[in-house]
């Protein structure tokens, strides 16, 4: 069985939770799980289900999406631009609005 590295995803969930000033207890009450369950997820001790990952991301106002691998560098650059991490020379074009709606 192949095991995938999910530490970067978990680190982003923790970073976002802390940036929003939310405790594990607050997240657990929104999801209907014990705080110890959220802790075990964040510490990589629990192999969470995809549905739980999506629920957790949405509680944190994140969206889990699949991106074609070829587009991954462009998407990552757009995220850096959005977060203000790129210099003005590195900024990619970021369309305003939602093309789906």
N, C-alpha and C. Protein backbone atom coordinates (compact mmCIF):
# COMPACT_ATOMS: atom_id res chain seq x y z
N UNK A 1 0.84 -1.18 0.00
CA UNK A 1 0.00 0.00 0.00
C UNK A 1 0.89 1.25 0.00
N UNK A 2 0.56 2.21 -0.82
CA UNK A 2 1.32 3.45 -0.92
C UNK A 2 0.82 4.44 0.13
N UNK A 3 1.77 5.08 0.81
CA UNK A 3 1.44 6.12 1.78
C UNK A 3 1.89 7.46 1.22
N UNK A 4 1.00 8.42 1.21
CA UNK A 4 1.30 9.73 0.67
C UNK A 4 1.61 10.70 1.80
N UNK A 5 2.49 11.64 1.52
CA UNK A 5 2.85 12.65 2.50
C UNK A 5 1.73 13.69 2.58
N UNK A 6 1.07 13.75 3.72
CA UNK A 6 0.00 14.73 3.86
C UNK A 6 0.39 15.85 4.83
N UNK A 7 1.63 15.82 5.31
CA UNK A 7 2.07 16.83 6.27
C UNK A 7 1.87 18.26 5.77
N UNK A 8 2.18 18.57 4.48
CA UNK A 8 1.94 19.95 4.03
C UNK A 8 0.47 20.36 4.11
N UNK A 9 -0.43 19.45 3.82
CA UNK A 9 -1.86 19.76 3.92
C UNK A 9 -2.27 19.99 5.37
N UNK A 10 -1.79 19.12 6.25
CA UNK A 10 -2.11 19.27 7.67
C UNK A 10 -1.53 20.57 8.21
N UNK A 11 -0.31 20.89 7.81
CA UNK A 11 0.33 22.13 8.27
C UNK A 11 -0.49 23.35 7.83
N UNK A 12 -1.03 23.31 6.60
CA UNK A 12 -1.85 24.42 6.13
C UNK A 12 -3.15 24.52 6.92
N UNK A 13 -3.75 23.40 7.25
CA UNK A 13 -4.97 23.42 8.06
C UNK A 13 -4.70 24.04 9.43
N UNK A 14 -3.59 23.63 10.06
CA UNK A 14 -3.23 24.16 11.38
C UNK A 14 -2.94 25.66 11.27
N UNK A 15 -2.16 26.05 10.27
CA UNK A 15 -1.80 27.46 10.07
C UNK A 15 -3.07 28.30 9.89
N UNK A 16 -4.00 27.82 9.09
CA UNK A 16 -5.23 28.55 8.85
C UNK A 16 -6.07 28.63 10.11
N UNK A 17 -6.17 27.52 10.83
CA UNK A 17 -6.95 27.52 12.09
C UNK A 17 -6.41 28.56 13.06
N UNK A 18 -5.09 28.56 13.22
CA UNK A 18 -4.46 29.51 14.16
C UNK A 18 -4.61 30.95 13.67
N UNK A 19 -4.46 31.17 12.37
CA UNK A 19 -4.60 32.52 11.81
C UNK A 19 -6.01 33.07 12.03
N UNK A 20 -6.99 32.18 12.06
CA UNK A 20 -8.37 32.59 12.29
C UNK A 20 -8.70 32.69 13.78
N UNK A 21 -7.71 32.36 14.62
CA UNK A 21 -7.91 32.45 16.06
C UNK A 21 -8.85 31.39 16.61
N UNK A 22 -8.92 30.25 15.94
CA UNK A 22 -9.81 29.17 16.37
C UNK A 22 -9.03 28.10 17.12
N UNK A 23 -9.64 27.58 18.16
CA UNK A 23 -9.03 26.48 18.92
C UNK A 23 -9.47 25.14 18.33
N UNK A 24 -8.77 24.11 18.69
CA UNK A 24 -9.19 22.76 18.27
C UNK A 24 -10.58 22.46 18.81
N UNK A 25 -10.89 22.92 20.01
CA UNK A 25 -12.22 22.69 20.59
C UNK A 25 -13.31 23.35 19.78
N UNK A 26 -13.05 24.58 19.30
CA UNK A 26 -14.04 25.28 18.48
C UNK A 26 -14.28 24.54 17.17
N UNK A 27 -13.20 24.07 16.56
CA UNK A 27 -13.33 23.30 15.31
C UNK A 27 -14.09 22.00 15.57
N UNK A 28 -13.72 21.33 16.66
CA UNK A 28 -14.36 20.04 16.95
C UNK A 28 -15.86 20.19 17.18
N UNK A 29 -16.26 21.28 17.82
CA UNK A 29 -17.70 21.46 18.06
C UNK A 29 -18.43 21.74 16.74
N UNK A 30 -17.79 22.44 15.82
CA UNK A 30 -18.42 22.70 14.51
C UNK A 30 -18.55 21.43 13.68
N UNK A 31 -17.59 20.50 13.87
CA UNK A 31 -17.61 19.25 13.10
C UNK A 31 -18.34 18.12 13.81
N UNK A 32 -18.58 18.29 15.12
CA UNK A 32 -19.25 17.24 15.87
C UNK A 32 -18.33 16.09 16.24
N UNK A 33 -17.05 16.39 16.39
CA UNK A 33 -16.06 15.40 16.80
C UNK A 33 -15.39 15.87 18.07
N UNK A 34 -14.82 14.94 18.86
CA UNK A 34 -14.10 15.37 20.06
C UNK A 34 -12.83 16.15 19.71
N UNK A 35 -12.40 17.02 20.61
CA UNK A 35 -11.18 17.81 20.41
C UNK A 35 -9.99 16.90 20.19
N UNK A 36 -9.95 15.76 20.87
CA UNK A 36 -8.83 14.82 20.74
C UNK A 36 -8.71 14.29 19.31
N UNK A 37 -9.84 14.19 18.62
CA UNK A 37 -9.84 13.74 17.23
C UNK A 37 -9.17 14.79 16.34
N UNK A 38 -9.49 16.06 16.56
CA UNK A 38 -8.88 17.14 15.78
C UNK A 38 -7.38 17.17 16.06
N UNK A 39 -7.01 17.00 17.30
CA UNK A 39 -5.59 16.96 17.66
C UNK A 39 -4.86 15.82 16.96
N UNK A 40 -5.48 14.65 16.94
CA UNK A 40 -4.84 13.50 16.29
C UNK A 40 -4.71 13.71 14.78
N UNK A 41 -5.66 14.41 14.19
CA UNK A 41 -5.57 14.73 12.76
C UNK A 41 -4.40 15.69 12.54
N UNK A 42 -4.38 16.77 13.31
CA UNK A 42 -3.34 17.79 13.13
C UNK A 42 -1.94 17.24 13.39
N UNK A 43 -1.84 16.26 14.24
CA UNK A 43 -0.53 15.67 14.56
C UNK A 43 -0.18 14.49 13.65
N UNK A 44 -1.03 14.23 12.67
CA UNK A 44 -0.76 13.16 11.72
C UNK A 44 -0.90 11.76 12.29
N UNK A 45 -1.59 11.64 13.41
CA UNK A 45 -1.76 10.34 14.06
C UNK A 45 -3.02 9.62 13.59
N UNK A 46 -3.85 10.34 12.85
CA UNK A 46 -5.10 9.76 12.38
C UNK A 46 -5.18 9.95 10.87
N UNK A 47 -5.36 8.88 10.15
CA UNK A 47 -5.49 8.95 8.70
C UNK A 47 -6.94 9.32 8.39
N UNK A 48 -7.17 10.61 8.21
CA UNK A 48 -8.55 11.04 8.07
C UNK A 48 -9.13 10.72 6.70
N UNK A 49 -10.43 10.57 6.70
CA UNK A 49 -11.16 10.29 5.46
C UNK A 49 -11.22 11.56 4.63
N UNK A 50 -11.37 11.40 3.33
CA UNK A 50 -11.47 12.54 2.44
C UNK A 50 -12.65 13.43 2.82
N UNK A 51 -13.76 12.83 3.15
CA UNK A 51 -14.94 13.63 3.51
C UNK A 51 -14.67 14.47 4.76
N UNK A 52 -13.93 13.93 5.71
CA UNK A 52 -13.58 14.68 6.92
C UNK A 52 -12.63 15.82 6.58
N UNK A 53 -11.67 15.55 5.69
CA UNK A 53 -10.74 16.58 5.25
C UNK A 53 -11.50 17.74 4.61
N UNK A 54 -12.45 17.43 3.75
CA UNK A 54 -13.23 18.47 3.07
C UNK A 54 -14.06 19.26 4.08
N UNK A 55 -14.69 18.57 5.03
CA UNK A 55 -15.46 19.25 6.07
C UNK A 55 -14.57 20.19 6.87
N UNK A 56 -13.41 19.71 7.27
CA UNK A 56 -12.47 20.51 8.05
C UNK A 56 -12.01 21.73 7.26
N UNK A 57 -11.68 21.53 6.00
CA UNK A 57 -11.25 22.64 5.15
C UNK A 57 -12.37 23.69 5.04
N UNK A 58 -13.57 23.27 4.85
CA UNK A 58 -14.69 24.21 4.68
C UNK A 58 -14.99 24.98 5.95
N UNK A 59 -14.86 24.33 7.10
CA UNK A 59 -15.03 25.03 8.38
C UNK A 59 -13.99 26.15 8.49
N UNK A 60 -12.82 25.93 7.91
CA UNK A 60 -11.74 26.92 7.93
C UNK A 60 -11.82 27.89 6.74
N UNK A 61 -12.93 27.82 6.00
CA UNK A 61 -13.16 28.66 4.82
C UNK A 61 -12.10 28.43 3.75
N UNK A 62 -11.71 27.16 3.59
CA UNK A 62 -10.82 26.72 2.52
C UNK A 62 -11.62 25.83 1.59
N UNK A 63 -11.13 25.66 0.39
CA UNK A 63 -11.79 24.77 -0.56
C UNK A 63 -10.75 23.80 -1.12
N UNK A 64 -11.06 22.53 -1.04
CA UNK A 64 -10.19 21.49 -1.59
C UNK A 64 -10.57 21.30 -3.06
N UNK A 65 -9.61 21.48 -3.94
CA UNK A 65 -9.86 21.30 -5.36
C UNK A 65 -8.75 20.46 -5.97
N UNK A 66 -9.07 19.78 -7.07
CA UNK A 66 -8.06 19.04 -7.81
C UNK A 66 -7.59 19.93 -8.96
N UNK A 67 -6.29 20.00 -9.12
CA UNK A 67 -5.68 20.83 -10.16
C UNK A 67 -4.84 19.92 -11.04
N UNK A 68 -4.98 20.02 -12.35
CA UNK A 68 -4.08 19.24 -13.21
C UNK A 68 -2.62 19.56 -12.87
N UNK A 69 -1.81 18.54 -12.80
CA UNK A 69 -0.42 18.69 -12.38
C UNK A 69 0.31 19.76 -13.20
N UNK A 70 0.04 19.83 -14.51
CA UNK A 70 0.69 20.83 -15.35
C UNK A 70 0.35 22.26 -14.93
N UNK A 71 -0.80 22.46 -14.32
CA UNK A 71 -1.22 23.79 -13.89
C UNK A 71 -0.81 24.13 -12.46
N UNK A 72 -0.29 23.14 -11.75
CA UNK A 72 0.06 23.34 -10.35
C UNK A 72 1.01 24.52 -10.12
N UNK A 73 2.08 24.70 -10.90
CA UNK A 73 2.95 25.86 -10.66
C UNK A 73 2.21 27.19 -10.81
N UNK A 74 1.34 27.30 -11.79
CA UNK A 74 0.59 28.54 -12.00
C UNK A 74 -0.37 28.80 -10.84
N UNK A 75 -1.04 27.76 -10.36
CA UNK A 75 -1.97 27.90 -9.24
C UNK A 75 -1.21 28.30 -7.98
N UNK A 76 -0.08 27.66 -7.74
CA UNK A 76 0.74 28.01 -6.57
C UNK A 76 1.21 29.46 -6.65
N UNK A 77 1.57 29.93 -7.83
CA UNK A 77 1.99 31.32 -8.01
C UNK A 77 0.82 32.26 -7.72
N UNK A 78 -0.36 31.91 -8.18
CA UNK A 78 -1.53 32.75 -7.92
C UNK A 78 -1.80 32.84 -6.42
N UNK A 79 -1.61 31.74 -5.71
CA UNK A 79 -1.82 31.75 -4.25
C UNK A 79 -0.78 32.65 -3.59
N UNK A 80 0.47 32.54 -4.01
CA UNK A 80 1.51 33.42 -3.45
C UNK A 80 1.18 34.88 -3.74
N UNK A 81 0.72 35.16 -4.95
CA UNK A 81 0.33 36.53 -5.31
C UNK A 81 -0.80 37.02 -4.40
N UNK A 82 -1.79 36.17 -4.22
CA UNK A 82 -2.94 36.52 -3.39
C UNK A 82 -2.51 36.81 -1.96
N UNK A 83 -1.59 36.01 -1.45
CA UNK A 83 -1.11 36.17 -0.08
C UNK A 83 -0.08 37.28 0.05
N UNK A 84 0.28 37.91 -1.08
CA UNK A 84 1.23 39.02 -1.04
C UNK A 84 2.67 38.61 -0.88
N UNK A 85 2.99 37.35 -1.19
CA UNK A 85 4.34 36.86 -1.02
C UNK A 85 5.22 37.09 -2.24
N UNK A 86 4.64 37.35 -3.39
CA UNK A 86 5.43 37.54 -4.61
C UNK A 86 5.80 39.01 -4.76
N UNK A 87 6.91 39.25 -5.40
CA UNK A 87 7.29 40.62 -5.71
C UNK A 87 6.45 41.09 -6.88
N UNK A 88 6.44 42.40 -7.13
CA UNK A 88 5.62 42.91 -8.23
C UNK A 88 6.08 42.36 -9.58
N UNK A 89 7.36 42.04 -9.72
CA UNK A 89 7.86 41.46 -10.97
C UNK A 89 7.40 40.02 -11.18
N UNK A 90 7.04 39.33 -10.09
CA UNK A 90 6.65 37.92 -10.17
C UNK A 90 5.14 37.73 -10.28
N UNK A 91 4.37 38.77 -10.07
CA UNK A 91 2.92 38.63 -10.02
C UNK A 91 2.34 38.10 -11.32
N UNK A 92 1.49 37.09 -11.16
CA UNK A 92 0.79 36.52 -12.31
C UNK A 92 -0.55 37.24 -12.47
N UNK A 93 -1.13 37.11 -13.62
CA UNK A 93 -2.46 37.66 -13.85
C UNK A 93 -3.47 36.84 -13.05
N UNK A 94 -4.28 37.52 -12.24
CA UNK A 94 -5.31 36.85 -11.46
C UNK A 94 -6.66 37.42 -11.87
N UNK A 95 -7.48 36.61 -12.56
CA UNK A 95 -8.78 37.12 -12.99
C UNK A 95 -9.69 37.41 -11.79
N UNK A 96 -10.49 38.43 -11.91
CA UNK A 96 -11.45 38.79 -10.86
C UNK A 96 -12.77 38.12 -11.19
N UNK A 97 -13.39 37.52 -10.18
CA UNK A 97 -14.69 36.88 -10.38
C UNK A 97 -14.54 35.37 -10.55
N UNK A 98 -15.68 34.73 -10.60
CA UNK A 98 -15.74 33.28 -10.68
C UNK A 98 -16.22 32.88 -12.07
N UNK A 99 -15.39 32.17 -12.80
CA UNK A 99 -15.75 31.77 -14.15
C UNK A 99 -16.89 30.77 -14.18
N UNK A 100 -17.12 30.10 -13.03
CA UNK A 100 -18.18 29.08 -12.97
C UNK A 100 -19.55 29.69 -12.71
N UNK A 101 -19.60 30.89 -12.25
CA UNK A 101 -20.91 31.35 -11.85
C UNK A 101 -21.22 32.70 -12.27
